[in-house]
Amino acid sequence: MKSRVKKDFYAELGQTIRLGRKRAGKSQEEAASFLGISFQQLQKYENGTNRIPMDRLLSLSKYLGIPHSEILGTGKMSSEQKNLRESLDSLSNREFQDFFEAWTQIKNREIRWKTLELIKSIAAFNS
């Protein structure tokens, strides 16, 4: 049982790292270079395969602009954040990657806002 809890923790932590990296518009290569590791090692962290040392985790958190409480999951999530997390969890890995690659290419904040409103409208209509 203890092993499953650890596996779940590192898988969720890796997902948070990946989401934060994509949100920051950084590639695996860029983030790995910042940490002084290979991009394959970063992939292992993001997949939850390998544990990430705390000093690297905190450096990566700062580099990506993610609050420590968010990356460690110790902060309280708003209902909107919980809904977003559940929605992202339901996406396949490929859908997730495609969505965030496209999202990070939208640089105009107003267009992002309008896109988000459109997605919320579609979701409400589809419920």
N, C-alpha and C. Protein backbone atom coordinates (compact mmCIF):
# COMPACT_ATOMS: atom_id res chain seq x y z
N MET A 1 0.83 -1.20 0.00
CA MET A 1 0.00 0.00 0.00
C MET A 1 0.87 1.26 0.00
N LYS A 2 1.91 1.24 0.83
CA LYS A 2 2.79 2.40 0.93
C LYS A 2 3.44 2.71 -0.42
N SER A 3 3.84 1.65 -1.15
CA SER A 3 4.47 1.82 -2.46
C SER A 3 3.52 2.48 -3.44
N ARG A 4 2.24 2.12 -3.41
CA ARG A 4 1.24 2.70 -4.31
C ARG A 4 1.06 4.19 -4.04
N VAL A 5 1.07 4.56 -2.76
CA VAL A 5 0.93 5.97 -2.38
C VAL A 5 2.11 6.76 -2.94
N LYS A 6 3.32 6.23 -2.80
CA LYS A 6 4.51 6.91 -3.32
C LYS A 6 4.42 7.04 -4.83
N LYS A 7 4.00 5.96 -5.50
CA LYS A 7 3.89 5.98 -6.96
C LYS A 7 2.89 7.03 -7.40
N ASP A 8 1.74 7.10 -6.74
CA ASP A 8 0.73 8.10 -7.07
C ASP A 8 1.26 9.51 -6.83
N PHE A 9 1.98 9.70 -5.72
CA PHE A 9 2.52 11.02 -5.40
C PHE A 9 3.48 11.49 -6.49
N TYR A 10 4.41 10.63 -6.90
CA TYR A 10 5.40 11.02 -7.90
C TYR A 10 4.78 11.19 -9.28
N ALA A 11 3.76 10.41 -9.59
CA ALA A 11 3.05 10.59 -10.87
C ALA A 11 2.34 11.94 -10.88
N GLU A 12 1.69 12.29 -9.78
CA GLU A 12 0.99 13.58 -9.71
C GLU A 12 1.98 14.74 -9.70
N LEU A 13 3.08 14.57 -8.98
CA LEU A 13 4.11 15.61 -8.96
C LEU A 13 4.67 15.82 -10.37
N GLY A 14 4.94 14.73 -11.07
CA GLY A 14 5.43 14.83 -12.44
C GLY A 14 4.45 15.54 -13.36
N GLN A 15 3.18 15.25 -13.17
CA GLN A 15 2.14 15.90 -13.98
C GLN A 15 2.11 17.41 -13.69
N THR A 16 2.28 17.77 -12.43
CA THR A 16 2.31 19.18 -12.05
C THR A 16 3.52 19.87 -12.68
N ILE A 17 4.66 19.18 -12.67
CA ILE A 17 5.87 19.75 -13.28
C ILE A 17 5.64 19.95 -14.78
N ARG A 18 5.10 18.94 -15.45
CA ARG A 18 4.85 19.04 -16.90
C ARG A 18 3.89 20.18 -17.21
N LEU A 19 2.80 20.26 -16.46
CA LEU A 19 1.80 21.31 -16.66
C LEU A 19 2.44 22.69 -16.46
N GLY A 20 3.21 22.84 -15.39
CA GLY A 20 3.87 24.12 -15.12
C GLY A 20 4.88 24.50 -16.17
N ARG A 21 5.60 23.50 -16.66
CA ARG A 21 6.60 23.76 -17.71
C ARG A 21 5.91 24.22 -18.98
N LYS A 22 4.86 23.54 -19.35
CA LYS A 22 4.13 23.93 -20.57
C LYS A 22 3.47 25.29 -20.41
N ARG A 23 2.92 25.53 -19.22
CA ARG A 23 2.29 26.82 -18.95
C ARG A 23 3.31 27.95 -19.06
N ALA A 24 4.55 27.66 -18.67
CA ALA A 24 5.63 28.66 -18.74
C ALA A 24 6.20 28.76 -20.16
N GLY A 25 5.76 27.88 -21.06
CA GLY A 25 6.24 27.92 -22.43
C GLY A 25 7.66 27.41 -22.59
N LYS A 26 8.08 26.52 -21.70
CA LYS A 26 9.44 25.98 -21.74
C LYS A 26 9.41 24.55 -22.30
N SER A 27 10.40 24.22 -23.10
CA SER A 27 10.53 22.85 -23.60
C SER A 27 11.23 22.01 -22.53
N GLN A 28 11.17 20.69 -22.73
CA GLN A 28 11.90 19.81 -21.81
C GLN A 28 13.39 20.09 -21.88
N GLU A 29 13.87 20.37 -23.07
CA GLU A 29 15.30 20.66 -23.25
C GLU A 29 15.71 21.91 -22.47
N GLU A 30 14.88 22.97 -22.54
CA GLU A 30 15.20 24.22 -21.84
C GLU A 30 15.21 24.01 -20.32
N ALA A 31 14.18 23.34 -19.81
CA ALA A 31 14.09 23.12 -18.37
C ALA A 31 15.22 22.21 -17.90
N ALA A 32 15.52 21.17 -18.67
CA ALA A 32 16.60 20.25 -18.30
C ALA A 32 17.95 20.97 -18.31
N SER A 33 18.16 21.80 -19.31
CA SER A 33 19.41 22.56 -19.39
C SER A 33 19.56 23.47 -18.16
N PHE A 34 18.47 24.11 -17.77
CA PHE A 34 18.50 24.96 -16.58
C PHE A 34 18.94 24.17 -15.34
N LEU A 35 18.42 22.92 -15.24
CA LEU A 35 18.75 22.08 -14.09
C LEU A 35 20.11 21.39 -14.22
N GLY A 36 20.68 21.42 -15.43
CA GLY A 36 21.96 20.73 -15.65
C GLY A 36 21.81 19.23 -15.75
N ILE A 37 20.67 18.78 -16.31
CA ILE A 37 20.41 17.35 -16.48
C ILE A 37 19.99 17.12 -17.93
N SER A 38 19.89 15.86 -18.33
CA SER A 38 19.43 15.55 -19.69
C SER A 38 17.92 15.69 -19.76
N PHE A 39 17.40 15.89 -20.98
CA PHE A 39 15.95 16.00 -21.11
C PHE A 39 15.30 14.65 -20.80
N GLN A 40 16.04 13.55 -21.00
CA GLN A 40 15.51 12.23 -20.66
C GLN A 40 15.28 12.11 -19.15
N GLN A 41 16.19 12.70 -18.37
CA GLN A 41 16.01 12.67 -16.91
C GLN A 41 14.79 13.48 -16.52
N LEU A 42 14.60 14.63 -17.16
CA LEU A 42 13.42 15.44 -16.88
C LEU A 42 12.16 14.67 -17.25
N GLN A 43 12.19 13.93 -18.37
CA GLN A 43 11.05 13.10 -18.75
C GLN A 43 10.72 12.10 -17.65
N LYS A 44 11.74 11.52 -17.07
CA LYS A 44 11.53 10.54 -15.99
C LYS A 44 10.89 11.21 -14.78
N TYR A 45 11.29 12.44 -14.47
CA TYR A 45 10.64 13.18 -13.38
C TYR A 45 9.19 13.45 -13.72
N GLU A 46 8.94 13.90 -14.96
CA GLU A 46 7.58 14.23 -15.37
C GLU A 46 6.68 13.00 -15.44
N ASN A 47 7.24 11.86 -15.75
CA ASN A 47 6.45 10.62 -15.81
C ASN A 47 6.28 9.98 -14.43
N GLY A 48 6.99 10.52 -13.44
CA GLY A 48 6.90 9.95 -12.10
C GLY A 48 7.74 8.69 -11.94
N THR A 49 8.59 8.40 -12.93
CA THR A 49 9.43 7.21 -12.90
C THR A 49 10.56 7.37 -11.89
N ASN A 50 11.17 8.54 -11.86
CA ASN A 50 12.27 8.84 -10.94
C ASN A 50 11.84 9.93 -9.96
N ARG A 51 12.37 9.84 -8.77
CA ARG A 51 12.13 10.89 -7.77
C ARG A 51 13.01 12.09 -8.09
N ILE A 52 12.46 13.27 -7.88
CA ILE A 52 13.23 14.49 -8.12
C ILE A 52 13.77 15.00 -6.79
N PRO A 53 15.07 15.25 -6.69
CA PRO A 53 15.63 15.78 -5.45
C PRO A 53 14.99 17.13 -5.10
N MET A 54 14.82 17.38 -3.82
CA MET A 54 14.13 18.59 -3.35
C MET A 54 14.79 19.87 -3.86
N ASP A 55 16.12 19.91 -3.89
CA ASP A 55 16.78 21.14 -4.35
C ASP A 55 16.47 21.40 -5.83
N ARG A 56 16.42 20.34 -6.63
CA ARG A 56 16.06 20.50 -8.04
C ARG A 56 14.60 20.92 -8.19
N LEU A 57 13.76 20.31 -7.37
CA LEU A 57 12.33 20.64 -7.43
C LEU A 57 12.10 22.11 -7.11
N LEU A 58 12.76 22.61 -6.08
CA LEU A 58 12.59 24.01 -5.70
C LEU A 58 13.18 24.95 -6.75
N SER A 59 14.33 24.58 -7.33
CA SER A 59 14.91 25.39 -8.41
C SER A 59 13.99 25.43 -9.62
N LEU A 60 13.46 24.27 -9.97
CA LEU A 60 12.56 24.18 -11.12
C LEU A 60 11.28 24.98 -10.86
N SER A 61 10.78 24.91 -9.65
CA SER A 61 9.58 25.66 -9.27
C SER A 61 9.81 27.15 -9.47
N LYS A 62 10.94 27.64 -9.02
CA LYS A 62 11.27 29.06 -9.17
C LYS A 62 11.45 29.42 -10.65
N TYR A 63 12.16 28.59 -11.39
CA TYR A 63 12.42 28.81 -12.81
C TYR A 63 11.12 28.90 -13.60
N LEU A 64 10.16 28.03 -13.27
CA LEU A 64 8.90 28.00 -14.00
C LEU A 64 7.86 28.97 -13.45
N GLY A 65 8.17 29.60 -12.31
CA GLY A 65 7.23 30.55 -11.71
C GLY A 65 6.04 29.86 -11.06
N ILE A 66 6.27 28.67 -10.52
CA ILE A 66 5.20 27.92 -9.85
C ILE A 66 5.42 28.04 -8.34
N PRO A 67 4.41 28.50 -7.59
CA PRO A 67 4.58 28.57 -6.14
C PRO A 67 4.89 27.18 -5.57
N HIS A 68 5.75 27.14 -4.56
CA HIS A 68 6.12 25.86 -3.94
C HIS A 68 4.90 25.09 -3.46
N SER A 69 3.92 25.82 -2.91
CA SER A 69 2.72 25.14 -2.40
C SER A 69 1.95 24.45 -3.52
N GLU A 70 1.97 25.04 -4.71
CA GLU A 70 1.27 24.44 -5.85
C GLU A 70 2.00 23.21 -6.36
N ILE A 71 3.32 23.31 -6.47
CA ILE A 71 4.08 22.18 -7.02
C ILE A 71 4.06 20.99 -6.07
N LEU A 72 4.01 21.26 -4.77
CA LEU A 72 3.97 20.18 -3.79
C LEU A 72 2.56 19.75 -3.44
N GLY A 73 1.58 20.50 -3.93
CA GLY A 73 0.20 20.13 -3.67
C GLY A 73 -0.26 20.44 -2.26
N THR A 74 0.43 21.38 -1.60
CA THR A 74 0.07 21.69 -0.22
C THR A 74 -0.89 22.86 -0.11
N GLY A 75 -1.06 23.60 -1.20
CA GLY A 75 -1.97 24.74 -1.18
C GLY A 75 -3.41 24.30 -1.39
N LYS A 76 -4.34 25.14 -1.00
CA LYS A 76 -5.73 24.82 -1.23
C LYS A 76 -6.07 25.18 -2.67
N MET A 77 -6.78 24.25 -3.33
CA MET A 77 -7.20 24.49 -4.70
C MET A 77 -8.61 25.07 -4.71
N SER A 78 -8.80 26.05 -5.57
CA SER A 78 -10.15 26.58 -5.75
C SER A 78 -10.96 25.55 -6.52
N SER A 79 -12.28 25.71 -6.52
CA SER A 79 -13.12 24.76 -7.26
C SER A 79 -12.80 24.82 -8.75
N GLU A 80 -12.44 26.02 -9.24
CA GLU A 80 -12.07 26.17 -10.65
C GLU A 80 -10.79 25.39 -10.95
N GLN A 81 -9.82 25.45 -10.03
CA GLN A 81 -8.57 24.71 -10.22
C GLN A 81 -8.83 23.20 -10.18
N LYS A 82 -9.72 22.76 -9.27
CA LYS A 82 -10.06 21.34 -9.19
C LYS A 82 -10.72 20.88 -10.47
N ASN A 83 -11.64 21.69 -11.01
CA ASN A 83 -12.32 21.33 -12.26
C ASN A 83 -11.32 21.25 -13.41
N LEU A 84 -10.39 22.21 -13.45
CA LEU A 84 -9.37 22.20 -14.49
C LEU A 84 -8.51 20.95 -14.37
N ARG A 85 -8.10 20.62 -13.16
CA ARG A 85 -7.26 19.43 -12.93
C ARG A 85 -8.00 18.17 -13.38
N GLU A 86 -9.29 18.05 -13.03
CA GLU A 86 -10.07 16.89 -13.44
C GLU A 86 -10.20 16.83 -14.95
N SER A 87 -10.42 17.98 -15.58
CA SER A 87 -10.53 18.01 -17.04
C SER A 87 -9.22 17.59 -17.68
N LEU A 88 -8.11 18.11 -17.17
CA LEU A 88 -6.81 17.76 -17.72
C LEU A 88 -6.50 16.28 -17.50
N ASP A 89 -6.92 15.74 -16.35
CA ASP A 89 -6.69 14.33 -16.08
C ASP A 89 -7.45 13.45 -17.06
N SER A 90 -8.59 13.94 -17.56
CA SER A 90 -9.39 13.14 -18.48
C SER A 90 -8.83 13.14 -19.90
N LEU A 91 -7.93 14.07 -20.21
CA LEU A 91 -7.32 14.11 -21.53
C LEU A 91 -6.28 13.01 -21.66
N SER A 92 -6.17 12.44 -22.84
CA SER A 92 -5.08 11.50 -23.07
C SER A 92 -3.78 12.29 -23.06
N ASN A 93 -2.68 11.62 -22.94
CA ASN A 93 -1.39 12.29 -22.93
C ASN A 93 -1.19 13.09 -24.21
N ARG A 94 -1.58 12.54 -25.35
CA ARG A 94 -1.42 13.22 -26.63
C ARG A 94 -2.31 14.46 -26.70
N GLU A 95 -3.58 14.33 -26.26
CA GLU A 95 -4.50 15.47 -26.25
C GLU A 95 -3.96 16.57 -25.35
N PHE A 96 -3.45 16.17 -24.19
CA PHE A 96 -2.89 17.11 -23.24
C PHE A 96 -1.73 17.88 -23.87
N GLN A 97 -0.83 17.15 -24.51
CA GLN A 97 0.32 17.79 -25.14
C GLN A 97 -0.12 18.73 -26.26
N ASP A 98 -1.04 18.26 -27.10
CA ASP A 98 -1.51 19.10 -28.21
C ASP A 98 -2.18 20.36 -27.69
N PHE A 99 -3.02 20.21 -26.68
CA PHE A 99 -3.74 21.36 -26.13
C PHE A 99 -2.77 22.41 -25.60
N PHE A 100 -1.80 21.99 -24.80
CA PHE A 100 -0.90 22.96 -24.19
C PHE A 100 0.13 23.52 -25.17
N GLU A 101 0.51 22.74 -26.15
CA GLU A 101 1.40 23.29 -27.17
C GLU A 101 0.69 24.42 -27.92
N ALA A 102 -0.58 24.17 -28.26
CA ALA A 102 -1.35 25.21 -28.95
C ALA A 102 -1.60 26.40 -28.03
N TRP A 103 -1.96 26.13 -26.78
CA TRP A 103 -2.28 27.19 -25.82
C TRP A 103 -1.09 28.12 -25.60
N THR A 104 0.10 27.56 -25.45
CA THR A 104 1.27 28.39 -25.17
C THR A 104 1.68 29.24 -26.37
N GLN A 105 1.18 28.90 -27.55
CA GLN A 105 1.49 29.70 -28.73
C GLN A 105 0.58 30.91 -28.85
N ILE A 106 -0.49 30.95 -28.06
CA ILE A 106 -1.36 32.12 -28.06
C ILE A 106 -0.75 33.13 -27.09
N LYS A 107 -0.11 34.14 -27.62
CA LYS A 107 0.61 35.11 -26.78
C LYS A 107 -0.28 36.27 -26.31
N ASN A 108 -1.31 36.59 -27.07
CA ASN A 108 -2.20 37.69 -26.74
C ASN A 108 -3.14 37.28 -25.61
N ARG A 109 -3.07 37.99 -24.47
CA ARG A 109 -3.88 37.65 -23.30
C ARG A 109 -5.38 37.77 -23.58
N GLU A 110 -5.77 38.75 -24.38
CA GLU A 110 -7.19 38.93 -24.68
C GLU A 110 -7.72 37.73 -25.49
N ILE A 111 -6.92 37.28 -26.44
CA ILE A 111 -7.33 36.12 -27.22
C ILE A 111 -7.41 34.88 -26.33
N ARG A 112 -6.44 34.73 -25.43
CA ARG A 112 -6.50 33.59 -24.48
C ARG A 112 -7.78 33.65 -23.66
N TRP A 113 -8.10 34.84 -23.16
CA TRP A 113 -9.30 35.02 -22.34
C TRP A 113 -10.55 34.65 -23.14
N LYS A 114 -10.65 35.13 -24.37
CA LYS A 114 -11.81 34.85 -25.23
C LYS A 114 -11.89 33.35 -25.54
N THR A 115 -10.73 32.73 -25.76
CA THR A 115 -10.70 31.29 -26.03
C THR A 115 -11.19 30.52 -24.82
N LEU A 116 -10.75 30.93 -23.65
CA LEU A 116 -11.19 30.27 -22.42
C LEU A 116 -12.69 30.43 -22.23
N GLU A 117 -13.20 31.61 -22.49
CA GLU A 117 -14.64 31.84 -22.39
C GLU A 117 -15.40 30.95 -23.38
N LEU A 118 -14.89 30.80 -24.58
CA LEU A 118 -15.52 29.95 -25.58
C LEU A 118 -15.54 28.49 -25.09
N ILE A 119 -14.42 28.03 -24.57
CA ILE A 119 -14.35 26.66 -24.06
C ILE A 119 -15.33 26.44 -22.92
N LYS A 120 -15.43 27.42 -22.02
CA LYS A 120 -16.39 27.31 -20.90
C LYS A 120 -17.83 27.28 -21.43
N SER A 121 -18.12 28.08 -22.43
CA SER A 121 -19.47 28.08 -23.02
C SER A 121 -19.81 26.75 -23.65
N ILE A 122 -18.86 26.19 -24.38
CA ILE A 122 -19.07 24.88 -25.00
C ILE A 122 -19.28 23.81 -23.93
N ALA A 123 -18.48 23.88 -22.88
CA ALA A 123 -18.60 22.90 -21.80
C ALA A 123 -19.96 23.00 -21.12
N ALA A 124 -20.43 24.22 -20.88
CA ALA A 124 -21.74 24.43 -20.24
C ALA A 124 -22.87 23.92 -21.14
N PHE A 125 -22.74 24.16 -22.43
CA PHE A 125 -23.74 23.73 -23.39
C PHE A 125 -23.76 22.20 -23.48
N ASN A 126 -22.59 21.59 -23.38
CA ASN A 126 -22.43 20.16 -23.55
C ASN A 126 -22.83 19.38 -22.30
N SER A 127 -23.01 20.04 -21.17
CA SER A 127 -23.31 19.35 -19.90
C SER A 127 -24.68 18.75 -19.87
